[in-house]
Amino acid sequence: MAKKLLIVDDSPTELKLIMDVFSGPEYTVVTASDGEEGVEKSKSEKPDLIILDVVMPKMNGFQACRTVKSEATTQDIPIILLTSKNQKSDEFWGKKQGADVYLTKPFDPAELLKAVSGLLV
């Protein structure tokens, strides 16, 4: 059965790049273009995993991550923060908000696939 991924990024280019990594039959991809929409879809779509950008309008990825992890119905969904924010302090705050994995852009598709498959076991 295909695993459902929710990809949240405000850049259509980045969304396409990430979606291309998961184009095989083992994944179903749902997208959102900002943090608020991502939080709503985490409830309505019940994804197996969320890939979340940090720098977005309305609600940033740190806020969205914290919100998803604080709701009883979504708190167990693994979250990968995939962002251009590459400071150690950014990674620290991402993990503190509940992210399972913190990766930076530009990303290595093999590293992203490995992180996703490691969280979906």
PDB file of N, CA and C in Angstrom:
ATOM      1  N   MET A   1       0.832  -1.182   0.000  1.00  0.00           N
ATOM      2  CA  MET A   1       0.000   0.000   0.000  1.00  0.00           C
ATOM      3  C   MET A   1       0.879   1.250   0.000  1.00  0.00           C
ATOM      4  N   ALA A   2       0.534   2.219  -0.832  1.00  0.00           N
ATOM      5  CA  ALA A   2       1.334   3.434  -0.958  1.00  0.00           C
ATOM      6  C   ALA A   2       1.289   4.256   0.330  1.00  0.00           C
ATOM      7  N   LYS A   3       2.418   4.834   0.683  1.00  0.00           N
ATOM      8  CA  LYS A   3       2.504   5.729   1.840  1.00  0.00           C
ATOM      9  C   LYS A   3       2.126   7.133   1.378  1.00  0.00           C
ATOM     10  N   LYS A   4       1.336   7.828   2.189  1.00  0.00           N
ATOM     11  CA  LYS A   4       0.901   9.178   1.845  1.00  0.00           C
ATOM     12  C   LYS A   4       1.845  10.201   2.461  1.00  0.00           C
ATOM     13  N   LEU A   5       2.415  11.059   1.588  1.00  0.00           N
ATOM     14  CA  LEU A   5       3.301  12.115   2.039  1.00  0.00           C
ATOM     15  C   LEU A   5       2.618  13.461   1.846  1.00  0.00           C
ATOM     16  N   LEU A   6       2.740  14.331   2.825  1.00  0.00           N
ATOM     17  CA  LEU A   6       2.271  15.704   2.710  1.00  0.00           C
ATOM     18  C   LEU A   6       3.518  16.570   2.569  1.00  0.00           C
ATOM     19  N   ILE A   7       3.621  17.277   1.438  1.00  0.00           N
ATOM     20  CA  ILE A   7       4.759  18.162   1.191  1.00  0.00           C
ATOM     21  C   ILE A   7       4.253  19.598   1.286  1.00  0.00           C
ATOM     22  N   VAL A   8       4.853  20.372   2.177  1.00  0.00           N
ATOM     23  CA  VAL A   8       4.417  21.746   2.420  1.00  0.00           C
ATOM     24  C   VAL A   8       5.564  22.693   2.072  1.00  0.00           C
ATOM     25  N   ASP A   9       5.376  23.474   0.999  1.00  0.00           N
ATOM     26  CA  ASP A   9       6.389  24.442   0.569  1.00  0.00           C
ATOM     27  C   ASP A   9       5.691  25.515  -0.243  1.00  0.00           C
ATOM     28  N   ASP A  10       6.070  26.775  -0.048  1.00  0.00           N
ATOM     29  CA  ASP A  10       5.424  27.870  -0.768  1.00  0.00           C
ATOM     30  C   ASP A  10       6.018  28.083  -2.164  1.00  0.00           C
ATOM     31  N   SER A  11       7.093  27.398  -2.494  1.00  0.00           N
ATOM     32  CA  SER A  11       7.715  27.536  -3.815  1.00  0.00           C
ATOM     33  C   SER A  11       7.241  26.415  -4.741  1.00  0.00           C
ATOM     34  N   PRO A  12       6.540  26.765  -5.841  1.00  0.00           N
ATOM     35  CA  PRO A  12       6.105  25.732  -6.793  1.00  0.00           C
ATOM     36  C   PRO A  12       7.288  24.938  -7.352  1.00  0.00           C
ATOM     37  N   THR A  13       8.428  25.594  -7.541  1.00  0.00           N
ATOM     38  CA  THR A  13       9.623  24.912  -8.052  1.00  0.00           C
ATOM     39  C   THR A  13      10.114  23.867  -7.062  1.00  0.00           C
ATOM     40  N   GLU A  14      10.214  24.262  -5.790  1.00  0.00           N
ATOM     41  CA  GLU A  14      10.658  23.309  -4.762  1.00  0.00           C
ATOM     42  C   GLU A  14       9.656  22.164  -4.606  1.00  0.00           C
ATOM     43  N   LEU A  15       8.361  22.478  -4.637  1.00  0.00           N
ATOM     44  CA  LEU A  15       7.342  21.424  -4.548  1.00  0.00           C
ATOM     45  C   LEU A  15       7.556  20.390  -5.644  1.00  0.00           C
ATOM     46  N   LYS A  16       7.768  20.861  -6.877  1.00  0.00           N
ATOM     47  CA  LYS A  16       7.961  19.939  -8.004  1.00  0.00           C
ATOM     48  C   LYS A  16       9.224  19.102  -7.806  1.00  0.00           C
ATOM     49  N   LEU A  17      10.318  19.743  -7.379  1.00  0.00           N
ATOM     50  CA  LEU A  17      11.567  19.002  -7.155  1.00  0.00           C
ATOM     51  C   LEU A  17      11.373  17.890  -6.120  1.00  0.00           C
ATOM     52  N   ILE A  18      10.695  18.207  -5.041  1.00  0.00           N
ATOM     53  CA  ILE A  18      10.474  17.214  -3.977  1.00  0.00           C
ATOM     54  C   ILE A  18       9.505  16.132  -4.457  1.00  0.00           C
ATOM     55  N   MET A  19       8.438  16.549  -5.140  1.00  0.00           N
ATOM     56  CA  MET A  19       7.463  15.572  -5.644  1.00  0.00           C
ATOM     57  C   MET A  19       8.115  14.589  -6.608  1.00  0.00           C
ATOM     58  N   ASP A  20       9.048  15.068  -7.423  1.00  0.00           N
ATOM     59  CA  ASP A  20       9.729  14.193  -8.392  1.00  0.00           C
ATOM     60  C   ASP A  20      10.489  13.066  -7.701  1.00  0.00           C
ATOM     61  N   VAL A  21      10.994  13.317  -6.495  1.00  0.00           N
ATOM     62  CA  VAL A  21      11.726  12.292  -5.748  1.00  0.00           C
ATOM     63  C   VAL A  21      10.788  11.145  -5.358  1.00  0.00           C
ATOM     64  N   PHE A  22       9.506  11.473  -5.169  1.00  0.00           N
ATOM     65  CA  PHE A  22       8.537  10.488  -4.688  1.00  0.00           C
ATOM     66  C   PHE A  22       7.491  10.135  -5.739  1.00  0.00           C
ATOM     67  N   SER A  23       7.925  10.070  -6.999  1.00  0.00           N
ATOM     68  CA  SER A  23       6.991   9.840  -8.103  1.00  0.00           C
ATOM     69  C   SER A  23       6.629   8.365  -8.306  1.00  0.00           C
ATOM     70  N   GLY A  24       7.265   7.465  -7.568  1.00  0.00           N
ATOM     71  CA  GLY A  24       7.000   6.040  -7.749  1.00  0.00           C
ATOM     72  C   GLY A  24       5.690   5.587  -7.141  1.00  0.00           C
ATOM     73  N   PRO A  25       5.312   4.344  -7.417  1.00  0.00           N
ATOM     74  CA  PRO A  25       4.030   3.811  -6.946  1.00  0.00           C
ATOM     75  C   PRO A  25       3.960   3.605  -5.434  1.00  0.00           C
ATOM     76  N   GLU A  26       5.105   3.642  -4.754  1.00  0.00           N
ATOM     77  CA  GLU A  26       5.086   3.412  -3.306  1.00  0.00           C
ATOM     78  C   GLU A  26       4.673   4.650  -2.514  1.00  0.00           C
ATOM     79  N   TYR A  27       4.484   5.792  -3.215  1.00  0.00           N
ATOM     80  CA  TYR A  27       4.095   7.033  -2.533  1.00  0.00           C
ATOM     81  C   TYR A  27       2.903   7.701  -3.203  1.00  0.00           C
ATOM     82  N   THR A  28       2.038   8.275  -2.376  1.00  0.00           N
ATOM     83  CA  THR A  28       0.988   9.177  -2.819  1.00  0.00           C
ATOM     84  C   THR A  28       1.355  10.530  -2.225  1.00  0.00           C
ATOM     85  N   VAL A  29       1.347  11.568  -3.052  1.00  0.00           N
ATOM     86  CA  VAL A  29       1.781  12.882  -2.589  1.00  0.00           C
ATOM     87  C   VAL A  29       0.616  13.859  -2.551  1.00  0.00           C
ATOM     88  N   VAL A  30       0.489  14.556  -1.432  1.00  0.00           N
ATOM     89  CA  VAL A  30      -0.467  15.640  -1.248  1.00  0.00           C
ATOM     90  C   VAL A  30       0.378  16.871  -0.953  1.00  0.00           C
ATOM     91  N   THR A  31      -0.030  18.047  -1.454  1.00  0.00           N
ATOM     92  CA  THR A  31       0.775  19.248  -1.228  1.00  0.00           C
ATOM     93  C   THR A  31      -0.028  20.351  -0.540  1.00  0.00           C
ATOM     94  N   ALA A  32       0.709  21.256   0.071  1.00  0.00           N
ATOM     95  CA  ALA A  32       0.146  22.470   0.660  1.00  0.00           C
ATOM     96  C   ALA A  32       1.158  23.589   0.404  1.00  0.00           C
ATOM     97  N   SER A  33       0.665  24.820   0.263  1.00  0.00           N
ATOM     98  CA  SER A  33       1.561  25.914  -0.110  1.00  0.00           C
ATOM     99  C   SER A  33       1.898  26.878   1.028  1.00  0.00           C
ATOM    100  N   ASP A  34       1.414  26.606   2.227  1.00  0.00           N
ATOM    101  CA  ASP A  34       1.833  27.391   3.390  1.00  0.00           C
ATOM    102  C   ASP A  34       1.574  26.581   4.658  1.00  0.00           C
ATOM    103  N   GLY A  35       2.086  27.093   5.780  1.00  0.00           N
ATOM    104  CA  GLY A  35       1.992  26.356   7.037  1.00  0.00           C
ATOM    105  C   GLY A  35       0.577  26.098   7.500  1.00  0.00           C
ATOM    106  N   GLU A  36      -0.302  27.100   7.358  1.00  0.00           N
ATOM    107  CA  GLU A  36      -1.694  26.915   7.790  1.00  0.00           C
ATOM    108  C   GLU A  36      -2.373  25.800   7.004  1.00  0.00           C
ATOM    109  N   GLU A  37      -2.202  25.816   5.685  1.00  0.00           N
ATOM    110  CA  GLU A  37      -2.789  24.770   4.843  1.00  0.00           C
ATOM    111  C   GLU A  37      -2.175  23.406   5.193  1.00  0.00           C
ATOM    112  N   GLY A  38      -0.881  23.401   5.495  1.00  0.00           N
ATOM    113  CA  GLY A  38      -0.213  22.161   5.886  1.00  0.00           C
ATOM    114  C   GLY A  38      -0.798  21.566   7.158  1.00  0.00           C
ATOM    115  N   VAL A  39      -1.050  22.418   8.156  1.00  0.00           N
ATOM    116  CA  VAL A  39      -1.650  21.943   9.406  1.00  0.00           C
ATOM    117  C   VAL A  39      -3.037  21.382   9.146  1.00  0.00           C
ATOM    118  N   GLU A  40      -3.846  22.104   8.347  1.00  0.00           N
ATOM    119  CA  GLU A  40      -5.199  21.626   8.028  1.00  0.00           C
ATOM    120  C   GLU A  40      -5.157  20.284   7.302  1.00  0.00           C
ATOM    121  N   LYS A  41      -4.253  20.153   6.316  1.00  0.00           N
ATOM    122  CA  LYS A  41      -4.161  18.897   5.563  1.00  0.00           C
ATOM    123  C   LYS A  41      -3.581  17.768   6.405  1.00  0.00           C
ATOM    124  N   SER A  42      -2.791  18.103   7.430  1.00  0.00           N
ATOM    125  CA  SER A  42      -2.289  17.041   8.302  1.00  0.00           C
ATOM    126  C   SER A  42      -3.447  16.373   9.034  1.00  0.00           C
ATOM    127  N   LYS A  43      -4.519  17.139   9.276  1.00  0.00           N
ATOM    128  CA  LYS A  43      -5.708  16.589   9.936  1.00  0.00           C
ATOM    129  C   LYS A  43      -6.629  15.894   8.930  1.00  0.00           C
ATOM    130  N   SER A  44      -6.881  16.539   7.800  1.00  0.00           N
ATOM    131  CA  SER A  44      -7.861  16.008   6.849  1.00  0.00           C
ATOM    132  C   SER A  44      -7.319  14.857   6.000  1.00  0.00           C
ATOM    133  N   GLU A  45      -6.042  14.903   5.644  1.00  0.00           N
ATOM    134  CA  GLU A  45      -5.460  13.882   4.762  1.00  0.00           C
ATOM    135  C   GLU A  45      -4.828  12.721   5.519  1.00  0.00           C
ATOM    136  N   LYS A  46      -4.534  12.921   6.789  1.00  0.00           N
ATOM    137  CA  LYS A  46      -3.883  11.897   7.617  1.00  0.00           C
ATOM    138  C   LYS A  46      -2.672  11.267   6.921  1.00  0.00           C
ATOM    139  N   PRO A  47      -1.656  12.091   6.606  1.00  0.00           N
ATOM    140  CA  PRO A  47      -0.476  11.557   5.923  1.00  0.00           C
ATOM    141  C   PRO A  47       0.360  10.659   6.832  1.00  0.00           C
ATOM    142  N   ASP A  48       1.172   9.805   6.195  1.00  0.00           N
ATOM    143  CA  ASP A  48       2.091   8.954   6.946  1.00  0.00           C
ATOM    144  C   ASP A  48       3.337   9.738   7.362  1.00  0.00           C
ATOM    145  N   LEU A  49       3.635  10.844   6.631  1.00  0.00           N
ATOM    146  CA  LEU A  49       4.827  11.641   6.900  1.00  0.00           C
ATOM    147  C   LEU A  49       4.631  13.028   6.292  1.00  0.00           C
ATOM    148  N   ILE A  50       5.241  14.045   6.915  1.00  0.00           N
ATOM    149  CA  ILE A  50       5.164  15.415   6.412  1.00  0.00           C
ATOM    150  C   ILE A  50       6.574  15.925   6.126  1.00  0.00           C
ATOM    151  N   ILE A  51       6.749  16.509   4.942  1.00  0.00           N
ATOM    152  CA  ILE A  51       7.990  17.204   4.588  1.00  0.00           C
ATOM    153  C   ILE A  51       7.625  18.684   4.577  1.00  0.00           C
ATOM    154  N   LEU A  52       8.299  19.462   5.412  1.00  0.00           N
ATOM    155  CA  LEU A  52       7.861  20.814   5.711  1.00  0.00           C
ATOM    156  C   LEU A  52       8.980  21.828   5.528  1.00  0.00           C
ATOM    157  N   ASP A  53       8.718  22.860   4.720  1.00  0.00           N
ATOM    158  CA  ASP A  53       9.648  23.977   4.590  1.00  0.00           C
ATOM    159  C   ASP A  53       9.534  24.824   5.852  1.00  0.00           C
ATOM    160  N   VAL A  54      10.525  25.668   6.124  1.00  0.00           N
ATOM    161  CA  VAL A  54      10.456  26.537   7.293  1.00  0.00           C
ATOM    162  C   VAL A  54       9.990  27.942   6.917  1.00  0.00           C
ATOM    163  N   VAL A  55      10.590  28.524   5.871  1.00  0.00           N
ATOM    164  CA  VAL A  55      10.286  29.899   5.504  1.00  0.00           C
ATOM    165  C   VAL A  55       9.068  29.925   4.577  1.00  0.00           C
ATOM    166  N   MET A  56       7.902  30.253   5.163  1.00  0.00           N
ATOM    167  CA  MET A  56       6.642  30.287   4.410  1.00  0.00           C
ATOM    168  C   MET A  56       5.754  31.401   4.946  1.00  0.00           C
ATOM    169  N   PRO A  57       4.797  31.858   4.119  1.00  0.00           N
ATOM    170  CA  PRO A  57       3.859  32.876   4.593  1.00  0.00           C
ATOM    171  C   PRO A  57       2.806  32.281   5.534  1.00  0.00           C
ATOM    172  N   LYS A  58       2.101  33.142   6.221  1.00  0.00           N
ATOM    173  CA  LYS A  58       0.996  32.815   7.139  1.00  0.00           C
ATOM    174  C   LYS A  58       1.470  32.127   8.404  1.00  0.00           C
ATOM    175  N   MET A  59       2.128  30.986   8.269  1.00  0.00           N
ATOM    176  CA  MET A  59       2.639  30.237   9.418  1.00  0.00           C
ATOM    177  C   MET A  59       3.933  29.573   8.979  1.00  0.00           C
ATOM    178  N   ASN A  60       5.034  29.845   9.677  1.00  0.00           N
ATOM    179  CA  ASN A  60       6.291  29.229   9.244  1.00  0.00           C
ATOM    180  C   ASN A  60       6.344  27.750   9.640  1.00  0.00           C
ATOM    181  N   GLY A  61       7.366  27.071   9.152  1.00  0.00           N
ATOM    182  CA  GLY A  61       7.477  25.637   9.382  1.00  0.00           C
ATOM    183  C   GLY A  61       7.678  25.254  10.837  1.00  0.00           C
ATOM    184  N   PHE A  62       8.385  26.101  11.598  1.00  0.00           N
ATOM    185  CA  PHE A  62       8.551  25.819  13.030  1.00  0.00           C
ATOM    186  C   PHE A  62       7.195  25.839  13.726  1.00  0.00           C
ATOM    187  N   GLN A  63       6.378  26.857  13.414  1.00  0.00           N
ATOM    188  CA  GLN A  63       5.044  26.973  14.027  1.00  0.00           C
ATOM    189  C   GLN A  63       4.150  25.808  13.598  1.00  0.00           C
ATOM    190  N   ALA A  64       4.193  25.479  12.303  1.00  0.00           N
ATOM    191  CA  ALA A  64       3.370  24.375  11.794  1.00  0.00           C
ATOM    192  C   ALA A  64       3.781  23.057  12.444  1.00  0.00           C
ATOM    193  N   CYS A  65       5.075  22.832  12.577  1.00  0.00           N
ATOM    194  CA  CYS A  65       5.579  21.612  13.203  1.00  0.00           C
ATOM    195  C   CYS A  65       5.084  21.522  14.646  1.00  0.00           C
ATOM    196  N   ARG A  66       5.237  22.601  15.392  1.00  0.00           N
ATOM    197  CA  ARG A  66       4.795  22.626  16.787  1.00  0.00           C
ATOM    198  C   ARG A  66       3.293  22.362  16.894  1.00  0.00           C
ATOM    199  N   THR A  67       2.508  22.951  15.978  1.00  0.00           N
ATOM    200  CA  THR A  67       1.053  22.766  15.991  1.00  0.00           C
ATOM    201  C   THR A  67       0.679  21.316  15.719  1.00  0.00           C
ATOM    202  N   VAL A  68       1.285  20.725  14.683  1.00  0.00           N
ATOM    203  CA  VAL A  68       0.998  19.323  14.338  1.00  0.00           C
ATOM    204  C   VAL A  68       1.368  18.408  15.506  1.00  0.00           C
ATOM    205  N   LYS A  69       2.522  18.650  16.118  1.00  0.00           N
ATOM    206  CA  LYS A  69       2.993  17.786  17.200  1.00  0.00           C
ATOM    207  C   LYS A  69       2.205  17.990  18.501  1.00  0.00           C
ATOM    208  N   SER A  70       1.458  19.091  18.615  1.00  0.00           N
ATOM    209  CA  SER A  70       0.701  19.334  19.841  1.00  0.00           C
ATOM    210  C   SER A  70      -0.742  18.830  19.768  1.00  0.00           C
ATOM    211  N   GLU A  71      -1.179  18.386  18.597  1.00  0.00           N
ATOM    212  CA  GLU A  71      -2.556  17.884  18.437  1.00  0.00           C
ATOM    213  C   GLU A  71      -2.553  16.368  18.591  1.00  0.00           C
ATOM    214  N   ALA A  72      -3.468  15.864  19.378  1.00  0.00           N
ATOM    215  CA  ALA A  72      -3.522  14.422  19.656  1.00  0.00           C
ATOM    216  C   ALA A  72      -3.679  13.588  18.388  1.00  0.00           C
ATOM    217  N   THR A  73      -4.443  14.078  17.417  1.00  0.00           N
ATOM    218  CA  THR A  73      -4.712  13.288  16.205  1.00  0.00           C
ATOM    219  C   THR A  73      -3.552  13.290  15.215  1.00  0.00           C
ATOM    220  N   THR A  74      -2.599  14.215  15.366  1.00  0.00           N
ATOM    221  CA  THR A  74      -1.497  14.307  14.391  1.00  0.00           C
ATOM    222  C   THR A  74      -0.113  14.201  15.027  1.00  0.00           C
ATOM    223  N   GLN A  75      -0.035  14.099  16.340  1.00  0.00           N
ATOM    224  CA  GLN A  75       1.263  14.172  17.015  1.00  0.00           C
ATOM    225  C   GLN A  75       2.235  13.054  16.651  1.00  0.00           C
ATOM    226  N   ASP A  76       1.733  11.934  16.170  1.00  0.00           N
ATOM    227  CA  ASP A  76       2.617  10.812  15.845  1.00  0.00           C
ATOM    228  C   ASP A  76       3.090  10.803  14.393  1.00  0.00           C
ATOM    229  N   ILE A  77       2.694  11.789  13.603  1.00  0.00           N
ATOM    230  CA  ILE A  77       3.141  11.859  12.208  1.00  0.00           C
ATOM    231  C   ILE A  77       4.585  12.346  12.183  1.00  0.00           C
ATOM    232  N   PRO A  78       5.501  11.572  11.582  1.00  0.00           N
ATOM    233  CA  PRO A  78       6.894  12.031  11.484  1.00  0.00           C
ATOM    234  C   PRO A  78       6.980  13.276  10.598  1.00  0.00           C
ATOM    235  N   ILE A  79       7.868  14.200  10.981  1.00  0.00           N
ATOM    236  CA  ILE A  79       8.054  15.428  10.219  1.00  0.00           C
ATOM    237  C   ILE A  79       9.525  15.610   9.863  1.00  0.00           C
ATOM    238  N   ILE A  80       9.759  15.890   8.579  1.00  0.00           N
ATOM    239  CA  ILE A  80      11.084  16.269   8.099  1.00  0.00           C
ATOM    240  C   ILE A  80      11.025  17.750   7.768  1.00  0.00           C
ATOM    241  N   LEU A  81      11.864  18.549   8.419  1.00  0.00           N
ATOM    242  CA  LEU A  81      11.989  19.952   8.035  1.00  0.00           C
ATOM    243  C   LEU A  81      13.043  20.010   6.930  1.00  0.00           C
ATOM    244  N   LEU A  82      12.661  20.539   5.778  1.00  0.00           N
ATOM    245  CA  LEU A  82      13.551  20.657   4.620  1.00  0.00           C
ATOM    246  C   LEU A  82      13.599  22.133   4.273  1.00  0.00           C
ATOM    247  N   THR A  83      14.720  22.777   4.550  1.00  0.00           N
ATOM    248  CA  THR A  83      14.769  24.230   4.501  1.00  0.00           C
ATOM    249  C   THR A  83      16.119  24.770   4.059  1.00  0.00           C
ATOM    250  N   SER A  84      16.115  26.015   3.649  1.00  0.00           N
ATOM    251  CA  SER A  84      17.368  26.696   3.308  1.00  0.00           C
ATOM    252  C   SER A  84      18.049  27.248   4.563  1.00  0.00           C
ATOM    253  N   LYS A  85      17.362  27.214   5.696  1.00  0.00           N
ATOM    254  CA  LYS A  85      17.942  27.714   6.949  1.00  0.00           C
ATOM    255  C   LYS A  85      18.950  26.683   7.468  1.00  0.00           C
ATOM    256  N   ASN A  86      20.242  27.020   7.347  1.00  0.00           N
ATOM    257  CA  ASN A  86      21.271  26.010   7.588  1.00  0.00           C
ATOM    258  C   ASN A  86      22.153  26.284   8.803  1.00  0.00           C
ATOM    259  N   GLN A  87      21.697  27.129   9.719  1.00  0.00           N
ATOM    260  CA  GLN A  87      22.463  27.381  10.941  1.00  0.00           C
ATOM    261  C   GLN A  87      22.173  26.292  11.977  1.00  0.00           C
ATOM    262  N   LYS A  88      23.153  26.000  12.811  1.00  0.00           N
ATOM    263  CA  LYS A  88      22.960  24.997  13.867  1.00  0.00           C
ATOM    264  C   LYS A  88      21.792  25.388  14.781  1.00  0.00           C
ATOM    265  N   SER A  89      21.621  26.694  15.019  1.00  0.00           N
ATOM    266  CA  SER A  89      20.521  27.137  15.881  1.00  0.00           C
ATOM    267  C   SER A  89      19.167  26.847  15.239  1.00  0.00           C
ATOM    268  N   ASP A  90      19.089  26.931  13.897  1.00  0.00           N
ATOM    269  CA  ASP A  90      17.840  26.604  13.195  1.00  0.00           C
ATOM    270  C   ASP A  90      17.507  25.129  13.392  1.00  0.00           C
ATOM    271  N   GLU A  91      18.519  24.279  13.241  1.00  0.00           N
ATOM    272  CA  GLU A  91      18.302  22.840  13.440  1.00  0.00           C
ATOM    273  C   GLU A  91      17.876  22.561  14.878  1.00  0.00           C
ATOM    274  N   PHE A  92      18.527  23.224  15.835  1.00  0.00           N
ATOM    275  CA  PHE A  92      18.163  23.063  17.237  1.00  0.00           C
ATOM    276  C   PHE A  92      16.687  23.401  17.450  1.00  0.00           C
ATOM    277  N   TRP A  93      16.238  24.558  16.944  1.00  0.00           N
ATOM    278  CA  TRP A  93      14.847  24.977  17.139  1.00  0.00           C
ATOM    279  C   TRP A  93      13.884  24.075  16.378  1.00  0.00           C
ATOM    280  N   GLY A  94      14.289  23.599  15.212  1.00  0.00           N
ATOM    281  CA  GLY A  94      13.438  22.668  14.468  1.00  0.00           C
ATOM    282  C   GLY A  94      13.184  21.388  15.241  1.00  0.00           C
ATOM    283  N   LYS A  95      14.245  20.830  15.810  1.00  0.00           N
ATOM    284  CA  LYS A  95      14.100  19.598  16.600  1.00  0.00           C
ATOM    285  C   LYS A  95      13.298  19.883  17.872  1.00  0.00           C
ATOM    286  N   LYS A  96      13.503  21.059  18.463  1.00  0.00           N
ATOM    287  CA  LYS A  96      12.775  21.422  19.680  1.00  0.00           C
ATOM    288  C   LYS A  96      11.274  21.547  19.405  1.00  0.00           C
ATOM    289  N   GLN A  97      10.900  21.908  18.188  1.00  0.00           N
ATOM    290  CA  GLN A  97       9.484  22.024  17.824  1.00  0.00           C
ATOM    291  C   GLN A  97       8.866  20.661  17.506  1.00  0.00           C
ATOM    292  N   GLY A  98       9.706  19.618  17.431  1.00  0.00           N
ATOM    293  CA  GLY A  98       9.181  18.276  17.221  1.00  0.00           C
ATOM    294  C   GLY A  98       9.597  17.607  15.925  1.00  0.00           C
ATOM    295  N   ALA A  99      10.432  18.267  15.122  1.00  0.00           N
ATOM    296  CA  ALA A  99      10.869  17.646  13.859  1.00  0.00           C
ATOM    297  C   ALA A  99      11.686  16.390  14.141  1.00  0.00           C
ATOM    298  N   ASP A 100      11.459  15.370  13.338  1.00  0.00           N
ATOM    299  CA  ASP A 100      12.209  14.121  13.490  1.00  0.00           C
ATOM    300  C   ASP A 100      13.550  14.198  12.768  1.00  0.00           C
ATOM    301  N   VAL A 101      13.565  14.904  11.628  1.00  0.00           N
ATOM    302  CA  VAL A 101      14.772  15.047  10.808  1.00  0.00           C
ATOM    303  C   VAL A 101      14.829  16.489  10.316  1.00  0.00           C
ATOM    304  N   TYR A 102      16.048  17.042  10.236  1.00  0.00           N
ATOM    305  CA  TYR A 102      16.256  18.402   9.739  1.00  0.00           C
ATOM    306  C   TYR A 102      17.237  18.319   8.582  1.00  0.00           C
ATOM    307  N   LEU A 103      16.788  18.656   7.373  1.00  0.00           N
ATOM    308  CA  LEU A 103      17.642  18.635   6.187  1.00  0.00           C
ATOM    309  C   LEU A 103      17.656  20.027   5.558  1.00  0.00           C
ATOM    310  N   THR A 104      18.767  20.352   4.897  1.00  0.00           N
ATOM    311  CA  THR A 104      18.864  21.673   4.271  1.00  0.00           C
ATOM    312  C   THR A 104      18.822  21.582   2.745  1.00  0.00           C
ATOM    313  N   LYS A 105      18.353  22.693   2.154  1.00  0.00           N
ATOM    314  CA  LYS A 105      18.322  22.851   0.702  1.00  0.00           C
ATOM    315  C   LYS A 105      19.604  23.560   0.290  1.00  0.00           C
ATOM    316  N   PRO A 106      20.110  23.322  -0.909  1.00  0.00           N
ATOM    317  CA  PRO A 106      19.591  22.322  -1.848  1.00  0.00           C
ATOM    318  C   PRO A 106      19.804  20.918  -1.278  1.00  0.00           C
ATOM    319  N   PHE A 107      18.804  20.066  -1.501  1.00  0.00           N
ATOM    320  CA  PHE A 107      18.846  18.744  -0.883  1.00  0.00           C
ATOM    321  C   PHE A 107      19.355  17.687  -1.851  1.00  0.00           C
ATOM    322  N   ASP A 108      19.879  16.624  -1.264  1.00  0.00           N
ATOM    323  CA  ASP A 108      20.313  15.453  -2.013  1.00  0.00           C
ATOM    324  C   ASP A 108      19.127  14.493  -2.046  1.00  0.00           C
ATOM    325  N   PRO A 109      18.582  14.180  -3.247  1.00  0.00           N
ATOM    326  CA  PRO A 109      17.415  13.292  -3.321  1.00  0.00           C
ATOM    327  C   PRO A 109      17.621  11.955  -2.608  1.00  0.00           C
ATOM    328  N   ALA A 110      18.823  11.389  -2.699  1.00  0.00           N
ATOM    329  CA  ALA A 110      19.087  10.108  -2.032  1.00  0.00           C
ATOM    330  C   ALA A 110      19.007  10.257  -0.512  1.00  0.00           C
ATOM    331  N   GLU A 111      19.505  11.372   0.012  1.00  0.00           N
ATOM    332  CA  GLU A 111      19.455  11.615   1.458  1.00  0.00           C
ATOM    333  C   GLU A 111      18.009  11.805   1.920  1.00  0.00           C
ATOM    334  N   LEU A 112      17.204  12.505   1.117  1.00  0.00           N
ATOM    335  CA  LEU A 112      15.797  12.702   1.464  1.00  0.00           C
ATOM    336  C   LEU A 112      15.044  11.369   1.435  1.00  0.00           C
ATOM    337  N   LEU A 113      15.269  10.577   0.406  1.00  0.00           N
ATOM    338  CA  LEU A 113      14.628   9.253   0.326  1.00  0.00           C
ATOM    339  C   LEU A 113      15.010   8.376   1.514  1.00  0.00           C
ATOM    340  N   LYS A 114      16.287   8.419   1.885  1.00  0.00           N
ATOM    341  CA  LYS A 114      16.764   7.619   3.019  1.00  0.00           C
ATOM    342  C   LYS A 114      16.079   8.072   4.305  1.00  0.00           C
ATOM    343  N   ALA A 115      15.959   9.379   4.502  1.00  0.00           N
ATOM    344  CA  ALA A 115      15.308   9.899   5.706  1.00  0.00           C
ATOM    345  C   ALA A 115      13.839   9.478   5.755  1.00  0.00           C
ATOM    346  N   VAL A 116      13.156   9.574   4.619  1.00  0.00           N
ATOM    347  CA  VAL A 116      11.737   9.198   4.561  1.00  0.00           C
ATOM    348  C   VAL A 116      11.575   7.716   4.837  1.00  0.00           C
ATOM    349  N   SER A 117      12.358   6.883   4.163  1.00  0.00           N
ATOM    350  CA  SER A 117      12.190   5.437   4.369  1.00  0.00           C
ATOM    351  C   SER A 117      12.576   5.037   5.788  1.00  0.00           C
ATOM    352  N   GLY A 118      13.530   5.733   6.393  1.00  0.00           N
ATOM    353  CA  GLY A 118      13.904   5.445   7.775  1.00  0.00           C
ATOM    354  C   GLY A 118      12.794   5.767   8.766  1.00  0.00           C
ATOM    355  N   LEU A 119      12.001   6.798   8.460  1.00  0.00           N
ATOM    356  CA  LEU A 119      10.906   7.182   9.364  1.00  0.00           C
ATOM    357  C   LEU A 119       9.629   6.376   9.115  1.00  0.00           C
ATOM    358  N   LEU A 120       9.515   5.744   7.961  1.00  0.00           N
ATOM    359  CA  LEU A 120       8.302   5.013   7.626  1.00  0.00           C
ATOM    360  C   LEU A 120       8.387   3.517   7.884  1.00  0.00           C
ATOM    361  N   VAL A 121       9.387   3.072   8.640  1.00  0.00           N
ATOM    362  CA  VAL A 121       9.515   1.631   8.923  1.00  0.00           C
ATOM    363  C   VAL A 121       8.510   1.179   9.949  1.00  0.00           C
TER     364      VAL A 121
END
